[in-house]
Amino acid sequence: MSTRTLQMTDALYAYLLENSLREADVLKRLRARTADLEFAGWQIAPEQGQFMALLVELIGARRCIEVGTFTGYSALAVAMALPNDGELIACDISDEYPSIGRPFWAEAGVDHKIDLRLAPGIETLDALIAEGRSGDFDFVFIDAEKQTYPDYFDRAVDLLRVGGLIAVDNVLWGGSVADPAIIKSTTEAIRVLNKKVQADERVTMSLVPIGDGLLLARKR
């Protein structure tokens, strides 16, 4: 037994993957393709993708948003968990990296569920609000520029239905959020977001130490 979260050693992490990961081949190959890129570290961990897919299934999500798509691994994991008529609006500023994932989306038969919108994420979210889609979404995943995290979060709360779920990636930021000597703008922005959500009475929340830290917030 333990009164705190276990330290994830290499051996324990290998055990976790070996005994829990059910990664479809198409996901595995997209992850391998992404590993060859310069910014491969932007990729979420496979166990996090599986966890988010489970969350989508648990809340019966049909309409989702993703802010920050990269090569589309997380989009693929979420889209595969949606019903056939599900919708995932994927936001990115360029098609450079999402274009890598498109063939994998098509191979998995979920490309019709993914609506990729190329613009700054705030613009896309504001456009959805302007279209009258506030309260229309079930799940929002945020994994884009960290300085904008608080603004993304507020718009996500607006767009979610009551009972909908927000998942924010990288909220432990390699452990740097706990080091007061680190005052970089990205680290500070994540600290602001974490404190903001902790105090936000619009949601119930939990910060889960999976991947680089995943902040979950359910709209009340």
C-alpha atoms as a PDB file:
ATOM      1  CA  MET A   1       0.000   0.000   0.000  1.00  0.00           C
ATOM      2  CA  SER A   2       1.048   3.617  -0.480  1.00  0.00           C
ATOM      3  CA  THR A   3      -0.228   6.943   0.809  1.00  0.00           C
ATOM      4  CA  ARG A   4       1.117   8.806  -2.246  1.00  0.00           C
ATOM      5  CA  THR A   5       1.480   8.269  -5.987  1.00  0.00           C
ATOM      6  CA  LEU A   6       4.260   5.830  -6.789  1.00  0.00           C
ATOM      7  CA  GLN A   7       7.414   7.018  -8.523  1.00  0.00           C
ATOM      8  CA  MET A   8       7.320   5.745 -12.099  1.00  0.00           C
ATOM      9  CA  THR A   9      10.634   3.969 -12.566  1.00  0.00           C
ATOM     10  CA  ASP A  10      11.637   2.637 -15.985  1.00  0.00           C
ATOM     11  CA  ALA A  11      10.874  -0.906 -14.886  1.00  0.00           C
ATOM     12  CA  LEU A  12       7.458   0.024 -13.502  1.00  0.00           C
ATOM     13  CA  TYR A  13       6.615   2.047 -16.605  1.00  0.00           C
ATOM     14  CA  ALA A  14       7.541  -0.903 -18.823  1.00  0.00           C
ATOM     15  CA  TYR A  15       5.281  -3.116 -16.682  1.00  0.00           C
ATOM     16  CA  LEU A  16       2.441  -0.597 -17.000  1.00  0.00           C
ATOM     17  CA  LEU A  17       2.672  -0.583 -20.786  1.00  0.00           C
ATOM     18  CA  GLU A  18       3.041  -4.343 -21.068  1.00  0.00           C
ATOM     19  CA  ASN A  19       0.065  -5.061 -18.838  1.00  0.00           C
ATOM     20  CA  SER A  20      -2.404  -2.298 -19.683  1.00  0.00           C
ATOM     21  CA  LEU A  21      -1.768  -0.761 -23.096  1.00  0.00           C
ATOM     22  CA  ARG A  22      -4.187  -1.758 -25.871  1.00  0.00           C
ATOM     23  CA  GLU A  23      -2.769   0.391 -28.646  1.00  0.00           C
ATOM     24  CA  ALA A  24      -4.257  -0.241 -32.072  1.00  0.00           C
ATOM     25  CA  ASP A  25      -1.700  -0.874 -34.782  1.00  0.00           C
ATOM     26  CA  VAL A  26      -2.650   2.305 -36.629  1.00  0.00           C
ATOM     27  CA  LEU A  27      -1.989   4.332 -33.468  1.00  0.00           C
ATOM     28  CA  LYS A  28       1.305   2.565 -32.898  1.00  0.00           C
ATOM     29  CA  ARG A  29       2.483   3.308 -36.424  1.00  0.00           C
ATOM     30  CA  LEU A  30       1.501   6.978 -36.202  1.00  0.00           C
ATOM     31  CA  ARG A  31       3.388   7.254 -32.921  1.00  0.00           C
ATOM     32  CA  ALA A  32       6.435   5.646 -34.534  1.00  0.00           C
ATOM     33  CA  ARG A  33       6.198   8.051 -37.478  1.00  0.00           C
ATOM     34  CA  THR A  34       6.028  10.984 -35.072  1.00  0.00           C
ATOM     35  CA  ALA A  35       9.086   9.755 -33.157  1.00  0.00           C
ATOM     36  CA  ASP A  36      11.232  10.578 -36.197  1.00  0.00           C
ATOM     37  CA  LEU A  37      10.358  14.289 -36.076  1.00  0.00           C
ATOM     38  CA  GLU A  38      12.408  17.108 -34.561  1.00  0.00           C
ATOM     39  CA  PHE A  39       9.648  17.936 -32.088  1.00  0.00           C
ATOM     40  CA  ALA A  40       8.728  14.357 -31.232  1.00  0.00           C
ATOM     41  CA  GLY A  41       8.530  15.369 -27.571  1.00  0.00           C
ATOM     42  CA  TRP A  42       5.237  17.122 -28.297  1.00  0.00           C
ATOM     43  CA  GLN A  43       3.644  13.687 -28.694  1.00  0.00           C
ATOM     44  CA  ILE A  44       1.458  12.486 -25.820  1.00  0.00           C
ATOM     45  CA  ALA A  45       2.282   9.154 -24.192  1.00  0.00           C
ATOM     46  CA  PRO A  46       0.341   6.127 -25.455  1.00  0.00           C
ATOM     47  CA  GLU A  47      -1.124   5.384 -22.038  1.00  0.00           C
ATOM     48  CA  GLN A  48      -2.447   8.951 -21.934  1.00  0.00           C
ATOM     49  CA  GLY A  49      -4.108   8.520 -25.311  1.00  0.00           C
ATOM     50  CA  GLN A  50      -5.756   5.341 -24.035  1.00  0.00           C
ATOM     51  CA  PHE A  51      -6.824   7.103 -20.837  1.00  0.00           C
ATOM     52  CA  MET A  52      -8.434   9.974 -22.748  1.00  0.00           C
ATOM     53  CA  ALA A  53     -10.247   7.535 -25.020  1.00  0.00           C
ATOM     54  CA  LEU A  54     -11.624   5.847 -21.906  1.00  0.00           C
ATOM     55  CA  LEU A  55     -12.791   9.206 -20.540  1.00  0.00           C
ATOM     56  CA  VAL A  56     -14.559   9.947 -23.829  1.00  0.00           C
ATOM     57  CA  GLU A  57     -16.336   6.607 -23.618  1.00  0.00           C
ATOM     58  CA  LEU A  58     -17.211   7.050 -19.932  1.00  0.00           C
ATOM     59  CA  ILE A  59     -18.982  10.377 -20.477  1.00  0.00           C
ATOM     60  CA  GLY A  60     -20.657   9.203 -23.673  1.00  0.00           C
ATOM     61  CA  ALA A  61     -19.060  11.995 -25.666  1.00  0.00           C
ATOM     62  CA  ARG A  62     -20.294  12.764 -29.179  1.00  0.00           C
ATOM     63  CA  ARG A  63     -18.893  16.253 -29.789  1.00  0.00           C
ATOM     64  CA  CYS A  64     -15.295  17.087 -28.888  1.00  0.00           C
ATOM     65  CA  ILE A  65     -12.684  19.792 -29.401  1.00  0.00           C
ATOM     66  CA  GLU A  66      -8.927  19.470 -29.495  1.00  0.00           C
ATOM     67  CA  VAL A  67      -6.737  22.580 -29.232  1.00  0.00           C
ATOM     68  CA  GLY A  68      -3.322  21.623 -30.597  1.00  0.00           C
ATOM     69  CA  THR A  69      -3.282  18.607 -32.906  1.00  0.00           C
ATOM     70  CA  PHE A  70       0.392  18.104 -33.872  1.00  0.00           C
ATOM     71  CA  THR A  71       0.545  14.876 -35.945  1.00  0.00           C
ATOM     72  CA  GLY A  72      -2.922  13.789 -34.875  1.00  0.00           C
ATOM     73  CA  TYR A  73      -2.228  10.919 -32.462  1.00  0.00           C
ATOM     74  CA  SER A  74      -4.516  12.270 -29.752  1.00  0.00           C
ATOM     75  CA  ALA A  75      -7.133  13.168 -32.367  1.00  0.00           C
ATOM     76  CA  LEU A  76      -7.011   9.618 -33.666  1.00  0.00           C
ATOM     77  CA  ALA A  77      -7.304   8.115 -30.177  1.00  0.00           C
ATOM     78  CA  VAL A  78     -10.306  10.282 -29.353  1.00  0.00           C
ATOM     79  CA  ALA A  79     -12.002   9.867 -32.734  1.00  0.00           C
ATOM     80  CA  MET A  80     -11.720   6.087 -32.494  1.00  0.00           C
ATOM     81  CA  ALA A  81     -13.587   6.265 -29.164  1.00  0.00           C
ATOM     82  CA  LEU A  82     -16.421   8.369 -30.597  1.00  0.00           C
ATOM     83  CA  PRO A  83     -19.563   6.903 -32.172  1.00  0.00           C
ATOM     84  CA  ASN A  84     -19.688   6.833 -35.962  1.00  0.00           C
ATOM     85  CA  ASP A  85     -21.578  10.121 -36.092  1.00  0.00           C
ATOM     86  CA  GLY A  86     -19.248  11.773 -33.572  1.00  0.00           C
ATOM     87  CA  GLU A  87     -17.502  15.086 -34.179  1.00  0.00           C
ATOM     88  CA  LEU A  88     -14.000  16.209 -33.226  1.00  0.00           C
ATOM     89  CA  ILE A  89     -13.033  19.769 -34.093  1.00  0.00           C
ATOM     90  CA  ALA A  90      -9.235  19.721 -34.213  1.00  0.00           C
ATOM     91  CA  CYS A  91      -7.525  23.116 -33.979  1.00  0.00           C
ATOM     92  CA  ASP A  92      -4.028  23.834 -35.236  1.00  0.00           C
ATOM     93  CA  ILE A  93      -2.261  26.801 -36.802  1.00  0.00           C
ATOM     94  CA  SER A  94      -0.721  24.859 -39.693  1.00  0.00           C
ATOM     95  CA  ASP A  95      -1.325  21.684 -41.670  1.00  0.00           C
ATOM     96  CA  GLU A  96       2.394  20.822 -41.610  1.00  0.00           C
ATOM     97  CA  TYR A  97       2.118  18.271 -38.807  1.00  0.00           C
ATOM     98  CA  PRO A  98      -1.574  17.270 -39.006  1.00  0.00           C
ATOM     99  CA  SER A  99      -0.953  16.275 -42.642  1.00  0.00           C
ATOM    100  CA  ILE A 100       1.205  13.460 -41.283  1.00  0.00           C
ATOM    101  CA  GLY A 101      -1.732  12.047 -39.377  1.00  0.00           C
ATOM    102  CA  ARG A 102      -4.385  12.404 -42.069  1.00  0.00           C
ATOM    103  CA  PRO A 103      -3.579   9.095 -43.839  1.00  0.00           C
ATOM    104  CA  PHE A 104      -3.746   7.304 -40.495  1.00  0.00           C
ATOM    105  CA  TRP A 105      -7.126   8.904 -39.727  1.00  0.00           C
ATOM    106  CA  ALA A 106      -8.380   7.663 -43.085  1.00  0.00           C
ATOM    107  CA  GLU A 107      -6.936   4.187 -42.580  1.00  0.00           C
ATOM    108  CA  ALA A 108      -8.694   3.922 -39.216  1.00  0.00           C
ATOM    109  CA  GLY A 109     -11.958   4.997 -40.862  1.00  0.00           C
ATOM    110  CA  VAL A 110     -12.428   8.023 -38.601  1.00  0.00           C
ATOM    111  CA  ASP A 111     -11.406  10.887 -40.892  1.00  0.00           C
ATOM    112  CA  HIS A 112     -15.075  11.810 -41.398  1.00  0.00           C
ATOM    113  CA  LYS A 113     -15.314  12.529 -37.655  1.00  0.00           C
ATOM    114  CA  ILE A 114     -12.366  14.961 -37.600  1.00  0.00           C
ATOM    115  CA  ASP A 115     -12.899  18.563 -38.676  1.00  0.00           C
ATOM    116  CA  LEU A 116      -9.428  20.155 -38.827  1.00  0.00           C
ATOM    117  CA  ARG A 117      -9.584  23.944 -38.556  1.00  0.00           C
ATOM    118  CA  LEU A 118      -6.388  25.843 -39.335  1.00  0.00           C
ATOM    119  CA  ALA A 119      -6.274  29.087 -37.342  1.00  0.00           C
ATOM    120  CA  PRO A 120      -5.092  30.262 -33.928  1.00  0.00           C
ATOM    121  CA  GLY A 121      -6.964  28.206 -31.372  1.00  0.00           C
ATOM    122  CA  ILE A 122      -8.544  31.209 -29.673  1.00  0.00           C
ATOM    123  CA  GLU A 123      -9.994  32.333 -33.003  1.00  0.00           C
ATOM    124  CA  THR A 124     -11.547  28.929 -33.626  1.00  0.00           C
ATOM    125  CA  LEU A 125     -13.014  28.725 -30.126  1.00  0.00           C
ATOM    126  CA  ASP A 126     -14.385  32.267 -30.350  1.00  0.00           C
ATOM    127  CA  ALA A 127     -15.915  31.438 -33.723  1.00  0.00           C
ATOM    128  CA  LEU A 128     -17.672  28.414 -32.229  1.00  0.00           C
ATOM    129  CA  ILE A 129     -19.063  30.591 -29.442  1.00  0.00           C
ATOM    130  CA  ALA A 130     -20.203  33.156 -32.008  1.00  0.00           C
ATOM    131  CA  GLU A 131     -21.928  30.356 -33.940  1.00  0.00           C
ATOM    132  CA  GLY A 132     -24.050  29.676 -30.855  1.00  0.00           C
ATOM    133  CA  ARG A 133     -22.322  26.448 -29.865  1.00  0.00           C
ATOM    134  CA  SER A 134     -21.857  27.308 -26.203  1.00  0.00           C
ATOM    135  CA  GLY A 135     -22.823  24.287 -24.101  1.00  0.00           C
ATOM    136  CA  ASP A 136     -22.721  22.032 -27.157  1.00  0.00           C
ATOM    137  CA  PHE A 137     -19.578  19.980 -26.507  1.00  0.00           C
ATOM    138  CA  ASP A 138     -18.815  17.021 -24.277  1.00  0.00           C
ATOM    139  CA  PHE A 139     -15.007  16.957 -24.145  1.00  0.00           C
ATOM    140  CA  VAL A 140     -12.198  19.445 -24.765  1.00  0.00           C
ATOM    141  CA  PHE A 141      -8.502  18.533 -24.880  1.00  0.00           C
ATOM    142  CA  ILE A 142      -6.053  21.438 -24.584  1.00  0.00           C
ATOM    143  CA  ASP A 143      -2.445  20.910 -25.675  1.00  0.00           C
ATOM    144  CA  ALA A 144      -1.175  24.047 -27.401  1.00  0.00           C
ATOM    145  CA  GLU A 145       0.861  27.150 -26.517  1.00  0.00           C
ATOM    146  CA  LYS A 146       1.058  27.291 -22.746  1.00  0.00           C
ATOM    147  CA  GLN A 147       0.833  31.069 -22.320  1.00  0.00           C
ATOM    148  CA  THR A 148      -2.713  30.908 -23.684  1.00  0.00           C
ATOM    149  CA  TYR A 149      -3.860  28.047 -21.438  1.00  0.00           C
ATOM    150  CA  PRO A 150      -5.993  30.234 -19.101  1.00  0.00           C
ATOM    151  CA  ASP A 151      -7.819  31.765 -22.088  1.00  0.00           C
ATOM    152  CA  TYR A 152      -8.349  28.367 -23.715  1.00  0.00           C
ATOM    153  CA  PHE A 153      -9.751  27.065 -20.441  1.00  0.00           C
ATOM    154  CA  ASP A 154     -12.346  29.832 -20.064  1.00  0.00           C
ATOM    155  CA  ARG A 155     -13.597  29.312 -23.601  1.00  0.00           C
ATOM    156  CA  ALA A 156     -13.687  25.555 -23.098  1.00  0.00           C
ATOM    157  CA  VAL A 157     -15.909  25.973 -20.033  1.00  0.00           C
ATOM    158  CA  ASP A 158     -18.262  28.110 -22.122  1.00  0.00           C
ATOM    159  CA  LEU A 159     -18.416  25.555 -24.932  1.00  0.00           C
ATOM    160  CA  LEU A 160     -18.966  22.537 -22.665  1.00  0.00           C
ATOM    161  CA  ARG A 161     -22.319  21.181 -21.596  1.00  0.00           C
ATOM    162  CA  VAL A 162     -22.929  20.659 -17.898  1.00  0.00           C
ATOM    163  CA  GLY A 163     -21.122  17.425 -17.031  1.00  0.00           C
ATOM    164  CA  GLY A 164     -18.658  17.903 -19.890  1.00  0.00           C
ATOM    165  CA  LEU A 165     -14.956  17.384 -19.331  1.00  0.00           C
ATOM    166  CA  ILE A 166     -11.820  19.423 -20.043  1.00  0.00           C
ATOM    167  CA  ALA A 167      -8.394  17.751 -20.148  1.00  0.00           C
ATOM    168  CA  VAL A 168      -5.331  20.011 -20.137  1.00  0.00           C
ATOM    169  CA  ASP A 169      -1.941  18.506 -20.990  1.00  0.00           C
ATOM    170  CA  ASN A 170       1.561  19.272 -19.653  1.00  0.00           C
ATOM    171  CA  VAL A 171       0.402  20.782 -16.368  1.00  0.00           C
ATOM    172  CA  LEU A 172       3.427  19.383 -14.493  1.00  0.00           C
ATOM    173  CA  TRP A 173       5.776  20.608 -17.244  1.00  0.00           C
ATOM    174  CA  GLY A 174       8.554  18.128 -16.561  1.00  0.00           C
ATOM    175  CA  GLY A 175       8.380  18.917 -12.850  1.00  0.00           C
ATOM    176  CA  SER A 176       9.437  22.541 -13.357  1.00  0.00           C
ATOM    177  CA  VAL A 177       6.167  23.930 -11.939  1.00  0.00           C
ATOM    178  CA  ALA A 178       7.325  22.805  -8.493  1.00  0.00           C
ATOM    179  CA  ASP A 179      10.672  24.628  -8.700  1.00  0.00           C
ATOM    180  CA  PRO A 180      10.274  28.283  -7.632  1.00  0.00           C
ATOM    181  CA  ALA A 181      13.659  29.107  -9.156  1.00  0.00           C
ATOM    182  CA  ILE A 182      12.186  28.557 -12.629  1.00  0.00           C
ATOM    183  CA  ILE A 183      10.371  31.706 -13.762  1.00  0.00           C
ATOM    184  CA  LYS A 184      10.080  31.106 -17.505  1.00  0.00           C
ATOM    185  CA  SER A 185       6.898  32.425 -19.096  1.00  0.00           C
ATOM    186  CA  THR A 186       5.638  28.977 -20.104  1.00  0.00           C
ATOM    187  CA  THR A 187       6.148  27.581 -16.615  1.00  0.00           C
ATOM    188  CA  GLU A 188       4.483  30.619 -15.043  1.00  0.00           C
ATOM    189  CA  ALA A 189       1.497  30.294 -17.378  1.00  0.00           C
ATOM    190  CA  ILE A 190       0.966  26.676 -16.360  1.00  0.00           C
ATOM    191  CA  ARG A 191       1.214  27.601 -12.675  1.00  0.00           C
ATOM    192  CA  VAL A 192      -1.415  30.291 -13.239  1.00  0.00           C
ATOM    193  CA  LEU A 193      -3.696  27.797 -14.976  1.00  0.00           C
ATOM    194  CA  ASN A 194      -3.321  25.188 -12.229  1.00  0.00           C
ATOM    195  CA  LYS A 195      -4.166  27.693  -9.495  1.00  0.00           C
ATOM    196  CA  LYS A 196      -6.988  29.155 -11.558  1.00  0.00           C
ATOM    197  CA  VAL A 197      -8.689  25.796 -12.041  1.00  0.00           C
ATOM    198  CA  GLN A 198      -8.171  24.793  -8.404  1.00  0.00           C
ATOM    199  CA  ALA A 199     -10.131  27.894  -7.342  1.00  0.00           C
ATOM    200  CA  ASP A 200     -12.741  27.786 -10.127  1.00  0.00           C
ATOM    201  CA  GLU A 201     -16.152  26.936  -8.669  1.00  0.00           C
ATOM    202  CA  ARG A 202     -17.563  26.320 -12.147  1.00  0.00           C
ATOM    203  CA  VAL A 203     -15.822  22.937 -12.207  1.00  0.00           C
ATOM    204  CA  THR A 204     -14.775  19.974 -10.144  1.00  0.00           C
ATOM    205  CA  MET A 205     -11.173  19.030 -10.854  1.00  0.00           C
ATOM    206  CA  SER A 206      -8.289  16.626 -10.399  1.00  0.00           C
ATOM    207  CA  LEU A 207      -4.680  16.833 -11.533  1.00  0.00           C
ATOM    208  CA  VAL A 208      -3.645  13.354 -12.660  1.00  0.00           C
ATOM    209  CA  PRO A 209       0.070  12.444 -12.819  1.00  0.00           C
ATOM    210  CA  ILE A 210      -0.101  10.658 -16.159  1.00  0.00           C
ATOM    211  CA  GLY A 211       2.250  11.637 -18.972  1.00  0.00           C
ATOM    212  CA  ASP A 212       3.446  15.177 -18.231  1.00  0.00           C
ATOM    213  CA  GLY A 213       0.460  15.817 -15.977  1.00  0.00           C
ATOM    214  CA  LEU A 214      -3.186  15.928 -17.102  1.00  0.00           C
ATOM    215  CA  LEU A 215      -5.567  18.387 -15.464  1.00  0.00           C
ATOM    216  CA  LEU A 216      -9.180  17.241 -15.568  1.00  0.00           C
ATOM    217  CA  ALA A 217     -12.070  19.642 -14.966  1.00  0.00           C
ATOM    218  CA  ARG A 218     -15.761  18.665 -15.100  1.00  0.00           C
ATOM    219  CA  LYS A 219     -18.257  21.478 -15.685  1.00  0.00           C
ATOM    220  CA  ARG A 220     -20.833  21.786 -12.930  1.00  0.00           C
END
